[in-house]
């Protein structure tokens, strides 16, 4: 099969690239083909945001991302920012609503609304979508690219966009094969780790190991990562969900990429959980002293229950006498638990539960003006395959739309 442009991967970035390429080439007679290994593309879109699809955030800057150099990320985001995404979604027929968290969701609260609109626009743009077409090999030749598939044979293309994602949620088709192709084509691939992923804790008798007793409880917490040597490397605050395996929730998901990236080079670390109302242990200790004077007969669990969830307060203060009877060492240990409770993090739940991938193709090897490879002329990259990962809240979708927009328009323009 002959094509002018082949796009591999029909996730968020690939669908965006296909739409913008097709619209840019409207009436020019270009043959644009979009391949996806899944029989029904867009699996990640359907499960995102709890099945509601958080399409973008109210405010997006390069500071919301990690991975490649932020000035490079900024160039892409400025080309197609969050206001462009909102207007684009409206043009697709997807009415959006802004929630108090700053997140944009479809008014329908259904991710299917977003996916169906994207697929419909792909067809309107004149792009041929072929689902169930797994790409097995990509080669660069004198006349362009040869894309070997298991079901269609070999496709020839003058230009190629690869939007195969990283390694997260492999059942959606993101199995890392795209990263393998990039290595074979001469690209530097930054080692990958899961990102936005729940963390697994080691059970034990200490409060930090008794998370199963708290399963289902959400607290406002602060996680800190210290490496040895080196000290404090990262902290994240926000809602934390206790589960049967460990921790989840927004603060944990944002924290996870920093812990897992750190452990690639610094395996010796300490992770602690604290309450955001006290920055330092000394502050918590002073508060406990004041409470001992104000409520001398009260149990510490009762006092803590005034500012913390009751189950959490009882666990932290289990077995302690009334406030006036607390010894200094008991009070200081409680203050330590309130601000720096040690956690034994054994790892994460892995790519099967990760919302995105940290690592990928080095951004410095890609032109941010066109998303074209500096190593392989005619090859464009977009989305999660690149070394860019955003925090939770619609930021990874914004990167997908923005990089797909740049790649699609640039690839089409080069063919006209």
Protein backbone atom coordinates (compact mmCIF):
# COMPACT_ATOMS: atom_id res chain seq x y z
CA UNK A 1 0.00 0.00 0.00
CA UNK A 2 1.26 3.44 -0.93
CA UNK A 3 0.63 6.52 1.23
CA UNK A 4 1.96 10.02 1.48
CA UNK A 5 1.76 10.10 5.27
CA UNK A 6 1.41 7.23 7.72
CA UNK A 7 0.61 7.91 11.37
CA UNK A 8 1.33 5.04 13.76
CA UNK A 9 -0.77 5.07 16.92
CA UNK A 10 -4.34 6.32 17.32
CA UNK A 11 -4.20 7.53 20.89
CA UNK A 12 -4.73 11.16 21.85
CA UNK A 13 -1.58 12.46 20.13
CA UNK A 14 -2.01 10.30 17.02
CA UNK A 15 -5.66 11.26 16.59
CA UNK A 16 -4.78 14.94 16.95
CA UNK A 17 -1.93 14.59 14.44
CA UNK A 18 -4.23 12.82 11.97
CA UNK A 19 -6.94 15.49 12.27
CA UNK A 20 -4.61 18.43 11.86
CA UNK A 21 -2.69 16.77 9.01
CA UNK A 22 -5.90 15.91 7.19
CA UNK A 23 -7.34 19.39 7.61
CA UNK A 24 -4.08 21.04 6.49
CA UNK A 25 -4.05 18.86 3.37
CA UNK A 26 -7.76 19.19 2.59
CA UNK A 27 -8.31 19.10 -1.16
CA UNK A 28 -4.67 18.35 -1.96
CA UNK A 29 -5.24 14.67 -2.63
CA UNK A 30 -2.74 13.42 -0.08
CA UNK A 31 -3.16 9.83 1.05
CA UNK A 32 -3.03 9.87 4.85
CA UNK A 33 -3.32 6.61 6.78
CA UNK A 34 -3.69 6.20 10.55
CA UNK A 35 -2.75 2.78 11.96
CA UNK A 36 -3.52 1.38 15.39
CA UNK A 37 -2.85 -2.07 16.80
CA UNK A 38 -6.11 -2.12 18.77
CA UNK A 39 -9.39 -3.10 17.15
CA UNK A 40 -10.94 -0.14 18.92
CA UNK A 41 -8.50 2.79 19.23
CA UNK A 42 -8.45 5.27 22.09
CA UNK A 43 -8.44 2.94 25.12
CA UNK A 44 -6.46 5.40 27.24
CA UNK A 45 -8.90 8.17 26.45
CA UNK A 46 -11.78 6.01 27.64
CA UNK A 47 -10.23 5.20 31.03
CA UNK A 48 -8.77 8.63 31.74
CA UNK A 49 -10.19 10.84 34.45
CA UNK A 50 -12.19 8.02 35.95
CA UNK A 51 -13.91 7.47 32.61
CA UNK A 52 -14.69 11.18 32.21
CA UNK A 53 -11.56 12.32 30.26
CA UNK A 54 -9.89 15.39 31.77
CA UNK A 55 -9.02 16.99 28.41
CA UNK A 56 -6.89 19.86 29.73
CA UNK A 57 -6.35 22.25 32.63
CA UNK A 58 -7.34 25.87 33.13
CA UNK A 59 -3.70 26.98 33.31
CA UNK A 60 -0.86 25.09 31.66
CA UNK A 61 2.81 26.07 31.61
CA UNK A 62 6.07 24.25 31.06
CA UNK A 63 6.47 24.12 34.86
CA UNK A 64 3.74 21.48 34.96
CA UNK A 65 6.02 19.05 33.11
CA UNK A 66 9.15 17.02 33.71
CA UNK A 67 11.60 15.26 31.43
CA UNK A 68 13.19 17.25 28.62
CA UNK A 69 14.33 20.89 28.84
CA UNK A 70 11.40 23.10 29.79
CA UNK A 71 12.18 25.82 27.21
CA UNK A 72 11.63 23.17 24.51
CA UNK A 73 8.36 22.06 26.09
CA UNK A 74 7.23 25.69 26.26
CA UNK A 75 7.67 26.16 22.50
CA UNK A 76 5.18 23.40 21.77
CA UNK A 77 2.67 24.44 24.43
CA UNK A 78 2.63 28.03 23.18
CA UNK A 79 1.81 26.86 19.67
CA UNK A 80 -1.38 25.15 20.87
CA UNK A 81 -2.26 26.15 24.42
CA UNK A 82 -5.14 25.26 26.72
CA UNK A 83 -7.41 27.93 25.23
CA UNK A 84 -6.85 26.40 21.79
CA UNK A 85 -7.78 22.99 23.19
CA UNK A 86 -11.03 24.30 24.68
CA UNK A 87 -11.99 26.00 21.40
CA UNK A 88 -10.98 22.92 19.41
CA UNK A 89 -13.07 20.60 21.56
CA UNK A 90 -16.05 22.91 21.14
CA UNK A 91 -15.50 22.82 17.36
CA UNK A 92 -15.58 19.02 17.53
CA UNK A 93 -18.96 19.23 19.23
CA UNK A 94 -17.63 18.45 22.71
CA UNK A 95 -19.07 20.91 25.23
CA UNK A 96 -16.72 21.35 28.18
CA UNK A 97 -17.13 22.38 31.80
CA UNK A 98 -14.50 23.85 34.12
CA UNK A 99 -14.46 22.33 37.60
CA UNK A 100 -13.22 23.97 40.80
CA UNK A 101 -9.96 22.00 40.54
CA UNK A 102 -9.11 23.79 37.29
CA UNK A 103 -9.78 20.64 35.25
CA UNK A 104 -11.82 20.62 32.04
CA UNK A 105 -14.20 17.72 31.44
CA UNK A 106 -16.88 17.10 28.83
CA UNK A 107 -20.30 18.24 30.05
CA UNK A 108 -21.52 14.70 29.41
CA UNK A 109 -18.98 13.33 31.96
CA UNK A 110 -18.31 10.59 29.40
CA UNK A 111 -14.91 9.95 27.85
CA UNK A 112 -16.77 8.32 24.95
CA UNK A 113 -17.99 11.78 23.96
CA UNK A 114 -14.41 12.91 23.37
CA UNK A 115 -13.27 9.76 21.57
CA UNK A 116 -16.31 9.61 19.29
CA UNK A 117 -15.84 13.26 18.32
CA UNK A 118 -12.16 12.71 17.53
CA UNK A 119 -12.85 9.64 15.41
CA UNK A 120 -15.61 11.45 13.54
CA UNK A 121 -13.29 14.37 12.75
CA UNK A 122 -10.56 11.97 11.56
CA UNK A 123 -13.01 10.63 8.98
CA UNK A 124 -14.17 14.13 8.01
CA UNK A 125 -10.54 15.15 7.48
CA UNK A 126 -10.14 12.43 4.86
CA UNK A 127 -7.79 10.26 6.92
CA UNK A 128 -8.11 6.51 6.52
CA UNK A 129 -8.12 4.84 9.95
CA UNK A 130 -7.12 1.17 9.96
CA UNK A 131 -7.60 -0.45 13.39
CA UNK A 132 -6.16 -3.83 14.30
CA UNK A 133 -3.02 -3.13 12.25
CA UNK A 134 -0.01 -3.88 14.42
CA UNK A 135 3.21 -2.37 13.12
CA UNK A 136 6.12 -4.77 13.51
CA UNK A 137 8.98 -2.87 11.92
CA UNK A 138 9.86 0.55 10.52
CA UNK A 139 12.69 1.16 8.06
CA UNK A 140 13.99 4.33 6.42
CA UNK A 141 14.72 4.13 2.71
CA UNK A 142 15.71 6.46 -0.12
CA UNK A 143 12.08 7.17 -1.01
CA UNK A 144 10.74 7.49 2.52
CA UNK A 145 9.63 4.85 5.00
CA UNK A 146 8.61 1.22 4.85
CA UNK A 147 6.14 0.26 7.58
CA UNK A 148 5.79 -3.49 8.04
CA UNK A 149 2.50 -4.69 9.54
CA UNK A 150 1.24 -8.12 10.44
CA UNK A 151 -2.12 -7.83 8.70
CA UNK A 152 -1.62 -5.37 5.82
CA UNK A 153 1.85 -6.25 4.65
CA UNK A 154 4.19 -3.35 3.94
CA UNK A 155 3.10 0.27 3.62
CA UNK A 156 5.29 2.83 1.90
CA UNK A 157 5.12 6.44 3.07
CA UNK A 158 6.87 9.65 2.13
CA UNK A 159 6.57 10.88 5.72
CA UNK A 160 5.87 9.19 9.02
CA UNK A 161 4.43 10.29 12.37
CA UNK A 162 5.03 7.96 15.31
CA UNK A 163 2.63 8.41 18.22
CA UNK A 164 2.80 4.99 19.83
CA UNK A 165 3.01 6.21 23.43
CA UNK A 166 5.34 4.85 26.07
CA UNK A 167 4.86 1.80 28.29
CA UNK A 168 1.91 2.78 30.46
CA UNK A 169 -1.34 0.80 30.33
CA UNK A 170 0.07 -1.88 27.98
CA UNK A 171 -3.37 -3.43 27.39
CA UNK A 172 -4.17 -0.29 25.38
CA UNK A 173 -1.34 -1.13 22.96
CA UNK A 174 1.45 0.93 24.52
CA UNK A 175 3.99 -1.86 24.77
CA UNK A 176 7.18 0.16 24.23
CA UNK A 177 7.72 -1.06 20.68
CA UNK A 178 7.83 2.52 19.42
CA UNK A 179 10.75 3.27 21.74
CA UNK A 180 12.53 0.21 20.33
CA UNK A 181 12.07 1.53 16.78
CA UNK A 182 13.47 4.90 17.80
CA UNK A 183 16.60 3.29 19.20
CA UNK A 184 17.01 1.30 15.99
CA UNK A 185 16.69 4.51 13.96
CA UNK A 186 19.48 6.13 15.98
CA UNK A 187 17.61 8.12 18.60
CA UNK A 188 18.64 8.47 22.22
CA UNK A 189 15.91 7.08 24.48
CA UNK A 190 15.95 8.27 28.09
CA UNK A 191 15.33 5.23 30.36
CA UNK A 192 11.64 4.86 31.15
CA UNK A 193 9.81 4.46 34.46
CA UNK A 194 6.11 4.48 35.32
CA UNK A 195 4.65 7.88 36.23
CA UNK A 196 1.36 8.90 37.85
CA UNK A 197 1.23 5.45 39.43
CA UNK A 198 0.11 4.18 42.88
CA UNK A 199 2.83 3.16 45.33
CA UNK A 200 3.20 -0.15 47.16
CA UNK A 201 4.10 -0.17 50.87
CA UNK A 202 5.64 -2.87 53.05
CA UNK A 203 3.20 -3.94 55.80
CA UNK A 204 4.48 -3.77 59.38
CA UNK A 205 3.60 -3.06 63.01
CA UNK A 206 4.49 0.64 62.92
CA UNK A 207 1.84 3.22 61.91
CA UNK A 208 3.49 3.59 58.51
CA UNK A 209 3.04 -0.13 57.87
CA UNK A 210 -0.58 -0.42 58.97
CA UNK A 211 -2.08 1.17 55.86
CA UNK A 212 -4.51 -1.71 55.29
CA UNK A 213 -6.40 -0.70 58.44
CA UNK A 214 -7.00 2.66 56.77
CA UNK A 215 -8.00 1.34 53.33
CA UNK A 216 -10.45 3.72 51.68
CA UNK A 217 -9.51 6.70 53.86
CA UNK A 218 -8.44 9.95 52.19
CA UNK A 219 -6.30 12.47 54.07
CA UNK A 220 -4.57 15.71 53.17
CA UNK A 221 -0.92 14.77 53.37
CA UNK A 222 2.61 15.64 52.35
CA UNK A 223 5.14 13.17 50.98
CA UNK A 224 8.86 13.88 51.17
CA UNK A 225 11.70 12.09 49.40
CA UNK A 226 15.21 12.26 50.83
CA UNK A 227 18.18 10.58 49.20
CA UNK A 228 21.37 9.43 50.90
CA UNK A 229 23.58 11.33 50.44
CA UNK A 230 21.88 14.48 49.17
CA UNK A 231 18.98 15.29 51.48
CA UNK A 232 15.52 16.48 50.43
CA UNK A 233 14.91 15.86 46.72
CA UNK A 234 11.17 16.30 46.30
CA UNK A 235 7.92 16.79 48.15
CA UNK A 236 4.27 16.71 47.10
CA UNK A 237 1.15 17.66 49.03
CA UNK A 238 -2.54 16.99 48.47
CA UNK A 239 -5.12 14.22 48.81
CA UNK A 240 -3.67 10.80 49.70
CA UNK A 241 -5.73 7.62 49.54
CA UNK A 242 -4.86 4.60 51.69
CA UNK A 243 -5.44 1.30 49.88
CA UNK A 244 -5.02 -2.41 50.51
CA UNK A 245 -1.62 -2.31 48.76
CA UNK A 246 -0.32 1.09 49.87
CA UNK A 247 -1.05 4.60 48.68
CA UNK A 248 -2.81 6.32 45.79
CA UNK A 249 -4.49 9.68 45.22
CA UNK A 250 -3.33 12.86 43.44
CA UNK A 251 -0.37 13.68 45.72
CA UNK A 252 0.92 10.11 45.51
CA UNK A 253 0.58 9.94 41.74
CA UNK A 254 2.49 13.19 41.27
CA UNK A 255 5.14 12.06 43.77
CA UNK A 256 5.62 8.64 42.16
CA UNK A 257 7.58 9.75 39.10
CA UNK A 258 10.13 11.57 41.27
CA UNK A 259 10.65 8.57 43.53
CA UNK A 260 11.00 6.10 40.67
CA UNK A 261 13.28 8.40 38.64
CA UNK A 262 15.43 8.99 41.72
CA UNK A 263 15.82 5.28 42.34
CA UNK A 264 17.37 4.81 38.90
CA UNK A 265 20.52 6.47 40.23
CA UNK A 266 20.04 6.82 44.03
CA UNK A 267 18.49 3.64 45.44
CA UNK A 268 19.14 4.67 49.06
CA UNK A 269 16.29 6.91 50.12
CA UNK A 270 13.76 7.74 52.82
CA UNK A 271 10.09 8.49 52.15
CA UNK A 272 8.00 10.15 54.85
CA UNK A 273 4.36 11.14 55.24
CA UNK A 274 3.35 14.29 57.11
CA UNK A 275 0.44 16.65 57.67
CA UNK A 276 0.66 19.89 55.64
CA UNK A 277 -0.48 22.08 58.55
CA UNK A 278 2.96 21.59 60.17
CA UNK A 279 6.05 22.16 58.04
CA UNK A 280 8.51 21.11 60.74
CA UNK A 281 8.44 18.65 63.63
CA UNK A 282 9.12 21.53 66.04
CA UNK A 283 5.87 23.20 64.92
CA UNK A 284 3.87 20.05 65.64
CA UNK A 285 5.59 19.69 69.01
CA UNK A 286 4.72 23.28 69.96
CA UNK A 287 1.10 22.66 68.94
CA UNK A 288 0.93 19.52 71.09
CA UNK A 289 2.32 21.46 74.06
CA UNK A 290 -0.35 24.12 73.61
CA UNK A 291 -3.05 21.46 73.39
CA UNK A 292 -1.76 19.82 76.58
CA UNK A 293 -2.33 23.09 78.40
CA UNK A 294 -5.72 23.71 76.80
CA UNK A 295 -7.03 20.13 77.06
CA UNK A 296 -4.96 18.37 79.75
CA UNK A 297 -7.41 15.50 80.32
CA UNK A 298 -8.09 14.76 76.66
CA UNK A 299 -6.54 11.79 74.93
CA UNK A 300 -4.13 12.64 72.07
CA UNK A 301 -6.38 10.73 69.64
CA UNK A 302 -9.28 12.99 70.59
CA UNK A 303 -7.20 16.14 70.22
CA UNK A 304 -5.81 15.05 66.86
CA UNK A 305 -9.31 14.05 65.77
CA UNK A 306 -10.24 17.73 65.84
CA UNK A 307 -7.87 18.44 62.95
CA UNK A 308 -7.37 15.02 61.31
CA UNK A 309 -9.67 12.18 60.21
CA UNK A 310 -10.60 10.13 63.29
CA UNK A 311 -9.20 6.80 62.03
CA UNK A 312 -5.89 8.41 61.15
CA UNK A 313 -5.73 10.23 64.48
CA UNK A 314 -6.40 7.04 66.45
CA UNK A 315 -3.67 5.13 64.65
CA UNK A 316 -1.06 7.86 65.14
CA UNK A 317 -1.85 8.27 68.85
CA UNK A 318 -2.63 4.66 69.71
CA UNK A 319 -1.80 3.68 73.29
CA UNK A 320 -0.85 7.16 74.49
CA UNK A 321 -2.08 8.56 77.83
CA UNK A 322 -3.91 11.85 78.37
CA UNK A 323 -2.23 15.00 77.06
CA UNK A 324 -1.06 16.14 80.52
CA UNK A 325 0.52 12.75 81.17
CA UNK A 326 2.56 12.57 77.97
CA UNK A 327 6.25 12.26 78.62
CA UNK A 328 8.52 14.49 76.55
CA UNK A 329 9.81 11.57 74.49
CA UNK A 330 6.23 10.42 73.78
CA UNK A 331 5.20 13.91 72.70
CA UNK A 332 8.24 14.32 70.47
CA UNK A 333 7.65 10.92 68.88
CA UNK A 334 4.04 11.89 68.17
CA UNK A 335 5.21 15.18 66.65
CA UNK A 336 7.59 13.17 64.47
CA UNK A 337 4.73 10.94 63.31
CA UNK A 338 2.67 14.00 62.44
CA UNK A 339 5.36 15.48 60.21
CA UNK A 340 7.82 12.75 59.15
CA UNK A 341 6.21 9.31 59.47
CA UNK A 342 8.56 6.83 57.74
CA UNK A 343 7.08 4.71 54.94
CA UNK A 344 8.64 1.58 53.48
CA UNK A 345 7.92 2.05 49.76
CA UNK A 346 8.83 -1.16 47.96
CA UNK A 347 7.94 0.17 44.51
CA UNK A 348 4.95 0.99 42.35
CA UNK A 349 2.05 -0.93 40.84
CA UNK A 350 3.89 -0.79 37.53
CA UNK A 351 3.00 0.21 34.01
CA UNK A 352 -0.33 -1.62 34.10
CA UNK A 353 -1.60 1.00 36.56
CA UNK A 354 0.47 3.99 35.42
CA UNK A 355 -1.29 6.88 33.71
CA UNK A 356 1.81 7.86 31.75
CA UNK A 357 5.50 7.12 31.19
CA UNK A 358 8.50 9.14 32.33
CA UNK A 359 11.42 8.98 29.90
CA UNK A 360 11.35 8.52 26.14
CA UNK A 361 12.97 10.04 23.08
CA UNK A 362 15.34 12.88 23.98
CA UNK A 363 13.64 16.18 23.13
CA UNK A 364 16.92 17.72 22.01
CA UNK A 365 16.89 15.36 19.03
CA UNK A 366 13.54 16.70 17.82
CA UNK A 367 12.64 20.08 16.32
CA UNK A 368 9.94 21.66 18.48
CA UNK A 369 8.83 23.79 15.52
CA UNK A 370 7.82 20.74 13.47
CA UNK A 371 8.25 17.76 15.83
CA UNK A 372 10.52 16.35 13.12
CA UNK A 373 13.44 14.18 14.09
CA UNK A 374 16.87 15.79 13.79
CA UNK A 375 18.29 12.30 13.27
CA UNK A 376 15.82 10.91 10.72
CA UNK A 377 14.45 13.41 8.16
CA UNK A 378 10.77 12.91 7.43
CA UNK A 379 10.03 11.29 10.80
CA UNK A 380 7.82 13.23 13.22
CA UNK A 381 7.17 12.30 16.85
CA UNK A 382 4.43 13.38 19.25
CA UNK A 383 2.86 12.48 22.57
CA UNK A 384 4.08 10.13 25.26
CA UNK A 385 6.87 8.60 23.17
CA UNK A 386 8.85 11.77 23.89
CA UNK A 387 10.66 12.49 27.16
CA UNK A 388 7.85 14.64 28.58
CA UNK A 389 5.46 13.78 31.39
CA UNK A 390 3.04 16.10 33.11
CA UNK A 391 1.49 16.19 36.54
CA UNK A 392 -2.04 14.95 37.14
CA UNK A 393 -4.87 17.20 35.98
CA UNK A 394 -5.12 17.08 32.18
CA UNK A 395 -1.55 18.14 31.47
CA UNK A 396 -0.55 14.98 29.61
CA UNK A 397 -3.56 15.35 27.33
CA UNK A 398 -2.56 18.95 26.67
CA UNK A 399 0.90 17.77 25.63
CA UNK A 400 -0.70 15.15 23.36
CA UNK A 401 -2.99 17.68 21.63
CA UNK A 402 -0.24 20.31 21.31
CA UNK A 403 2.51 18.03 20.02
CA UNK A 404 0.04 16.24 17.73
CA UNK A 405 -1.08 19.59 16.33
CA UNK A 406 2.49 20.62 15.54
CA UNK A 407 3.46 17.24 14.07
CA UNK A 408 0.34 16.85 11.94
CA UNK A 409 0.41 20.31 10.41
CA UNK A 410 4.16 20.22 9.79
CA UNK A 411 4.10 16.79 8.16
CA UNK A 412 1.26 17.80 5.85
CA UNK A 413 2.92 21.11 4.96
CA UNK A 414 6.12 19.31 3.99
CA UNK A 415 4.15 17.16 1.54
CA UNK A 416 2.26 19.97 -0.18
